[in-house]
């Protein structure tokens, strides 16, 4: 049942992103794309935060999964950003690792024409009760601009656990916001 609900959410996310792209194209005229206000240019700085879980994330052990993440990034070239992040998550139910802290690195590639981004990363997760894990991750998201610098960023992600795949690997929906600064 949870997999069916997740598939419906993912399909809805793709439909919303396609519709939002149509409206985003009217936000930037053709002349705006060539000047310094284009969102994903080299040397811009990114700061963001996101909320994960709220039962929109699934792994083999939990009933409730709620996480908070903070991110910072730098565009090393147009449309390519390197990221660092820290996070905290609380897992409910009978999970032996209820409070997990993480630190990680990653990168994003932005498809500027439509605001979709593709992300790769790796996190080190630690909790009491001797739980340590390195988790590579992938994500697909959309940057919906509220104005020229502030975004709402829904994303679908997958994190692979090397400690115990069936218990700790996650798939879910993340909703965040971001701010893009000129350097």
C-alpha atoms as a PDB file:
ATOM      1  CA  UNK A   1       0.000   0.000   0.000  1.00  0.00           C
ATOM      2  CA  UNK A   2       2.792   2.439   0.879  1.00  0.00           C
ATOM      3  CA  UNK A   3       4.512   1.750  -2.450  1.00  0.00           C
ATOM      4  CA  UNK A   4       1.280   2.503  -4.322  1.00  0.00           C
ATOM      5  CA  UNK A   5       0.818   5.764  -2.448  1.00  0.00           C
ATOM      6  CA  UNK A   6       4.439   6.711  -3.144  1.00  0.00           C
ATOM      7  CA  UNK A   7       3.978   6.010  -6.874  1.00  0.00           C
ATOM      8  CA  UNK A   8       0.844   8.202  -6.931  1.00  0.00           C
ATOM      9  CA  UNK A   9       2.755  11.014  -5.177  1.00  0.00           C
ATOM     10  CA  UNK A  10       5.643  10.687  -7.642  1.00  0.00           C
ATOM     11  CA  UNK A  11       3.271  10.835 -10.631  1.00  0.00           C
ATOM     12  CA  UNK A  12       1.527  13.861  -9.155  1.00  0.00           C
ATOM     13  CA  UNK A  13       4.920  15.526  -8.566  1.00  0.00           C
ATOM     14  CA  UNK A  14       5.901  15.068 -12.238  1.00  0.00           C
ATOM     15  CA  UNK A  15       2.580  16.497 -13.423  1.00  0.00           C
ATOM     16  CA  UNK A  16       2.879  19.524 -11.130  1.00  0.00           C
ATOM     17  CA  UNK A  17       6.469  20.141 -12.224  1.00  0.00           C
ATOM     18  CA  UNK A  18       5.491  20.054 -15.898  1.00  0.00           C
ATOM     19  CA  UNK A  19       2.640  22.496 -15.315  1.00  0.00           C
ATOM     20  CA  UNK A  20       4.793  24.786 -13.185  1.00  0.00           C
ATOM     21  CA  UNK A  21       7.442  24.827 -15.901  1.00  0.00           C
ATOM     22  CA  UNK A  22       4.926  26.204 -18.331  1.00  0.00           C
ATOM     23  CA  UNK A  23       4.256  29.090 -15.928  1.00  0.00           C
ATOM     24  CA  UNK A  24       7.957  29.523 -15.070  1.00  0.00           C
ATOM     25  CA  UNK A  25       8.809  30.219 -18.703  1.00  0.00           C
ATOM     26  CA  UNK A  26       6.627  33.315 -18.552  1.00  0.00           C
ATOM     27  CA  UNK A  27       8.539  34.485 -15.437  1.00  0.00           C
ATOM     28  CA  UNK A  28      11.826  34.852 -17.323  1.00  0.00           C
ATOM     29  CA  UNK A  29      11.796  36.520 -20.706  1.00  0.00           C
ATOM     30  CA  UNK A  30      14.430  35.573 -23.286  1.00  0.00           C
ATOM     31  CA  UNK A  31      16.480  38.668 -22.473  1.00  0.00           C
ATOM     32  CA  UNK A  32      16.554  37.797 -18.742  1.00  0.00           C
ATOM     33  CA  UNK A  33      18.237  34.437 -19.390  1.00  0.00           C
ATOM     34  CA  UNK A  34      21.465  36.038 -20.588  1.00  0.00           C
ATOM     35  CA  UNK A  35      22.035  38.475 -17.736  1.00  0.00           C
ATOM     36  CA  UNK A  36      23.395  37.979 -14.205  1.00  0.00           C
ATOM     37  CA  UNK A  37      19.935  37.394 -12.702  1.00  0.00           C
ATOM     38  CA  UNK A  38      19.643  33.920 -14.236  1.00  0.00           C
ATOM     39  CA  UNK A  39      19.288  31.550 -11.295  1.00  0.00           C
ATOM     40  CA  UNK A  40      21.973  28.904 -11.846  1.00  0.00           C
ATOM     41  CA  UNK A  41      25.130  30.787 -12.873  1.00  0.00           C
ATOM     42  CA  UNK A  42      28.724  30.120 -11.826  1.00  0.00           C
ATOM     43  CA  UNK A  43      29.822  31.684  -8.495  1.00  0.00           C
ATOM     44  CA  UNK A  44      26.318  31.915  -7.021  1.00  0.00           C
ATOM     45  CA  UNK A  45      25.832  30.671  -3.461  1.00  0.00           C
ATOM     46  CA  UNK A  46      22.908  28.559  -2.254  1.00  0.00           C
ATOM     47  CA  UNK A  47      21.458  28.170   1.244  1.00  0.00           C
ATOM     48  CA  UNK A  48      18.549  25.853   1.878  1.00  0.00           C
ATOM     49  CA  UNK A  49      16.605  23.804   4.382  1.00  0.00           C
ATOM     50  CA  UNK A  50      14.207  20.919   3.934  1.00  0.00           C
ATOM     51  CA  UNK A  51      11.730  18.761   5.776  1.00  0.00           C
ATOM     52  CA  UNK A  52      11.623  15.042   5.039  1.00  0.00           C
ATOM     53  CA  UNK A  53       9.407  12.244   6.147  1.00  0.00           C
ATOM     54  CA  UNK A  54       5.969  13.039   7.577  1.00  0.00           C
ATOM     55  CA  UNK A  55       5.160   9.445   6.586  1.00  0.00           C
ATOM     56  CA  UNK A  56       6.097  10.273   2.985  1.00  0.00           C
ATOM     57  CA  UNK A  57       9.370   8.389   3.457  1.00  0.00           C
ATOM     58  CA  UNK A  58       9.524   4.640   3.671  1.00  0.00           C
ATOM     59  CA  UNK A  59      12.056   2.226   5.089  1.00  0.00           C
ATOM     60  CA  UNK A  60      11.711  -1.232   6.553  1.00  0.00           C
ATOM     61  CA  UNK A  61      11.643  -0.281  10.238  1.00  0.00           C
ATOM     62  CA  UNK A  62       9.603   2.785  10.975  1.00  0.00           C
ATOM     63  CA  UNK A  63       6.084   4.037  11.360  1.00  0.00           C
ATOM     64  CA  UNK A  64       7.062   7.718  11.505  1.00  0.00           C
ATOM     65  CA  UNK A  65      10.115   9.287   9.920  1.00  0.00           C
ATOM     66  CA  UNK A  66      10.650  13.029  10.365  1.00  0.00           C
ATOM     67  CA  UNK A  67      13.843  14.796   9.337  1.00  0.00           C
ATOM     68  CA  UNK A  68      15.284  18.290   9.080  1.00  0.00           C
ATOM     69  CA  UNK A  69      18.194  19.135   6.775  1.00  0.00           C
ATOM     70  CA  UNK A  70      20.258  22.277   6.218  1.00  0.00           C
ATOM     71  CA  UNK A  71      22.276  22.728   3.036  1.00  0.00           C
ATOM     72  CA  UNK A  72      24.813  25.103   1.614  1.00  0.00           C
ATOM     73  CA  UNK A  73      26.109  25.093  -1.928  1.00  0.00           C
ATOM     74  CA  UNK A  74      28.295  26.824  -4.478  1.00  0.00           C
ATOM     75  CA  UNK A  75      27.967  26.836  -8.267  1.00  0.00           C
ATOM     76  CA  UNK A  76      31.342  25.749  -9.625  1.00  0.00           C
ATOM     77  CA  UNK A  77      30.044  26.303 -13.161  1.00  0.00           C
ATOM     78  CA  UNK A  78      26.730  27.190 -14.770  1.00  0.00           C
ATOM     79  CA  UNK A  79      24.021  24.705 -13.720  1.00  0.00           C
ATOM     80  CA  UNK A  80      26.387  22.578 -11.542  1.00  0.00           C
ATOM     81  CA  UNK A  81      26.436  23.038  -7.773  1.00  0.00           C
ATOM     82  CA  UNK A  82      28.426  21.291  -5.033  1.00  0.00           C
ATOM     83  CA  UNK A  83      26.621  20.903  -1.701  1.00  0.00           C
ATOM     84  CA  UNK A  84      27.317  20.239   1.930  1.00  0.00           C
ATOM     85  CA  UNK A  85      24.550  19.301   4.347  1.00  0.00           C
ATOM     86  CA  UNK A  86      23.804  18.416   7.934  1.00  0.00           C
ATOM     87  CA  UNK A  87      20.665  16.757   9.205  1.00  0.00           C
ATOM     88  CA  UNK A  88      18.681  15.257  12.017  1.00  0.00           C
ATOM     89  CA  UNK A  89      15.915  12.678  11.792  1.00  0.00           C
ATOM     90  CA  UNK A  90      13.655  11.002  14.282  1.00  0.00           C
ATOM     91  CA  UNK A  91      12.296   7.558  13.543  1.00  0.00           C
ATOM     92  CA  UNK A  92       9.257   6.339  15.451  1.00  0.00           C
ATOM     93  CA  UNK A  93       7.926   2.879  16.078  1.00  0.00           C
ATOM     94  CA  UNK A  94      10.155   0.122  17.421  1.00  0.00           C
ATOM     95  CA  UNK A  95      13.284   1.293  15.592  1.00  0.00           C
ATOM     96  CA  UNK A  96      16.464   0.774  17.647  1.00  0.00           C
ATOM     97  CA  UNK A  97      17.978   4.035  16.309  1.00  0.00           C
ATOM     98  CA  UNK A  98      15.324   6.702  17.022  1.00  0.00           C
ATOM     99  CA  UNK A  99      17.543   9.797  16.661  1.00  0.00           C
ATOM    100  CA  UNK A 100      19.954   9.938  13.738  1.00  0.00           C
ATOM    101  CA  UNK A 101      22.430  12.714  12.905  1.00  0.00           C
ATOM    102  CA  UNK A 102      23.992  13.037   9.467  1.00  0.00           C
ATOM    103  CA  UNK A 103      26.599  15.018   7.567  1.00  0.00           C
ATOM    104  CA  UNK A 104      27.147  14.784   3.851  1.00  0.00           C
ATOM    105  CA  UNK A 105      28.348  16.123   0.522  1.00  0.00           C
ATOM    106  CA  UNK A 106      26.797  16.070  -2.891  1.00  0.00           C
ATOM    107  CA  UNK A 107      26.100  17.852  -6.098  1.00  0.00           C
ATOM    108  CA  UNK A 108      23.247  18.960  -8.284  1.00  0.00           C
ATOM    109  CA  UNK A 109      22.851  19.450 -12.000  1.00  0.00           C
ATOM    110  CA  UNK A 110      20.126  21.951 -12.924  1.00  0.00           C
ATOM    111  CA  UNK A 111      18.291  21.702 -16.204  1.00  0.00           C
ATOM    112  CA  UNK A 112      17.888  25.450 -16.515  1.00  0.00           C
ATOM    113  CA  UNK A 113      15.210  25.377 -19.178  1.00  0.00           C
ATOM    114  CA  UNK A 114      12.693  23.820 -16.818  1.00  0.00           C
ATOM    115  CA  UNK A 115      13.995  24.085 -13.225  1.00  0.00           C
ATOM    116  CA  UNK A 116      14.363  20.337 -12.698  1.00  0.00           C
ATOM    117  CA  UNK A 117      17.510  19.262 -10.854  1.00  0.00           C
ATOM    118  CA  UNK A 118      19.244  15.908 -10.544  1.00  0.00           C
ATOM    119  CA  UNK A 119      21.269  15.262  -7.405  1.00  0.00           C
ATOM    120  CA  UNK A 120      23.881  12.785  -6.208  1.00  0.00           C
ATOM    121  CA  UNK A 121      25.358  12.619  -2.741  1.00  0.00           C
ATOM    122  CA  UNK A 122      26.655  10.631   0.174  1.00  0.00           C
ATOM    123  CA  UNK A 123      25.868  10.952   3.887  1.00  0.00           C
ATOM    124  CA  UNK A 124      27.468   9.618   7.012  1.00  0.00           C
ATOM    125  CA  UNK A 125      24.705   8.778   9.498  1.00  0.00           C
ATOM    126  CA  UNK A 126      25.286   8.185  13.190  1.00  0.00           C
ATOM    127  CA  UNK A 127      23.007   7.277  16.074  1.00  0.00           C
ATOM    128  CA  UNK A 128      23.431   5.844  19.531  1.00  0.00           C
ATOM    129  CA  UNK A 129      23.210   2.065  19.894  1.00  0.00           C
ATOM    130  CA  UNK A 130      26.217   1.603  17.600  1.00  0.00           C
ATOM    131  CA  UNK A 131      24.533   2.595  14.326  1.00  0.00           C
ATOM    132  CA  UNK A 132      26.887   4.101  11.733  1.00  0.00           C
ATOM    133  CA  UNK A 133      26.198   4.104   8.019  1.00  0.00           C
ATOM    134  CA  UNK A 134      27.459   5.674   4.808  1.00  0.00           C
ATOM    135  CA  UNK A 135      24.515   6.211   2.478  1.00  0.00           C
ATOM    136  CA  UNK A 136      24.838   7.243  -1.167  1.00  0.00           C
ATOM    137  CA  UNK A 137      21.737   8.994  -2.471  1.00  0.00           C
ATOM    138  CA  UNK A 138      20.033  10.201  -5.631  1.00  0.00           C
ATOM    139  CA  UNK A 139      17.268  12.753  -6.001  1.00  0.00           C
ATOM    140  CA  UNK A 140      15.118  14.431  -8.617  1.00  0.00           C
ATOM    141  CA  UNK A 141      13.568  17.749  -7.737  1.00  0.00           C
ATOM    142  CA  UNK A 142      12.110  20.968  -9.026  1.00  0.00           C
ATOM    143  CA  UNK A 143      13.048  24.562  -8.168  1.00  0.00           C
ATOM    144  CA  UNK A 144       9.844  26.593  -8.145  1.00  0.00           C
ATOM    145  CA  UNK A 145      10.838  30.259  -7.952  1.00  0.00           C
ATOM    146  CA  UNK A 146       8.706  32.513  -5.762  1.00  0.00           C
ATOM    147  CA  UNK A 147      10.836  35.465  -6.858  1.00  0.00           C
ATOM    148  CA  UNK A 148      14.291  35.778  -8.445  1.00  0.00           C
ATOM    149  CA  UNK A 149      16.145  34.299  -5.435  1.00  0.00           C
ATOM    150  CA  UNK A 150      13.753  32.272  -3.229  1.00  0.00           C
ATOM    151  CA  UNK A 151      12.527  28.809  -4.199  1.00  0.00           C
ATOM    152  CA  UNK A 152      10.325  26.023  -2.959  1.00  0.00           C
ATOM    153  CA  UNK A 153      12.013  22.731  -3.824  1.00  0.00           C
ATOM    154  CA  UNK A 154      10.062  19.473  -3.722  1.00  0.00           C
ATOM    155  CA  UNK A 155      12.197  16.404  -4.447  1.00  0.00           C
ATOM    156  CA  UNK A 156      11.921  12.631  -4.565  1.00  0.00           C
ATOM    157  CA  UNK A 157      14.957  10.848  -3.112  1.00  0.00           C
ATOM    158  CA  UNK A 158      16.449   7.429  -2.493  1.00  0.00           C
ATOM    159  CA  UNK A 159      19.157   6.653   0.092  1.00  0.00           C
ATOM    160  CA  UNK A 160      20.934   3.289  -0.046  1.00  0.00           C
ATOM    161  CA  UNK A 161      22.101   1.768   3.243  1.00  0.00           C
ATOM    162  CA  UNK A 162      25.218  -0.386   3.325  1.00  0.00           C
ATOM    163  CA  UNK A 163      24.644  -1.432   6.947  1.00  0.00           C
ATOM    164  CA  UNK A 164      21.266  -3.103   6.363  1.00  0.00           C
ATOM    165  CA  UNK A 165      19.552  -2.506   3.031  1.00  0.00           C
ATOM    166  CA  UNK A 166      16.118  -3.836   3.987  1.00  0.00           C
ATOM    167  CA  UNK A 167      15.890  -1.851   7.238  1.00  0.00           C
ATOM    168  CA  UNK A 168      17.620   1.477   6.657  1.00  0.00           C
ATOM    169  CA  UNK A 169      17.406   2.323   2.935  1.00  0.00           C
ATOM    170  CA  UNK A 170      14.934   5.168   2.391  1.00  0.00           C
ATOM    171  CA  UNK A 171      12.747   6.382  -0.443  1.00  0.00           C
ATOM    172  CA  UNK A 172      10.647   9.464   0.092  1.00  0.00           C
ATOM    173  CA  UNK A 173       9.513  12.984  -0.626  1.00  0.00           C
ATOM    174  CA  UNK A 174      11.383  16.045   0.612  1.00  0.00           C
ATOM    175  CA  UNK A 175      10.022  19.601   0.605  1.00  0.00           C
ATOM    176  CA  UNK A 176      12.434  22.454   1.105  1.00  0.00           C
ATOM    177  CA  UNK A 177      13.179  26.042   0.346  1.00  0.00           C
ATOM    178  CA  UNK A 178      16.292  27.641  -1.031  1.00  0.00           C
ATOM    179  CA  UNK A 179      17.837  31.056  -1.433  1.00  0.00           C
ATOM    180  CA  UNK A 180      20.258  31.839  -4.265  1.00  0.00           C
ATOM    181  CA  UNK A 181      22.758  34.646  -3.569  1.00  0.00           C
ATOM    182  CA  UNK A 182      25.119  36.588  -5.802  1.00  0.00           C
ATOM    183  CA  UNK A 183      28.683  36.260  -4.588  1.00  0.00           C
END
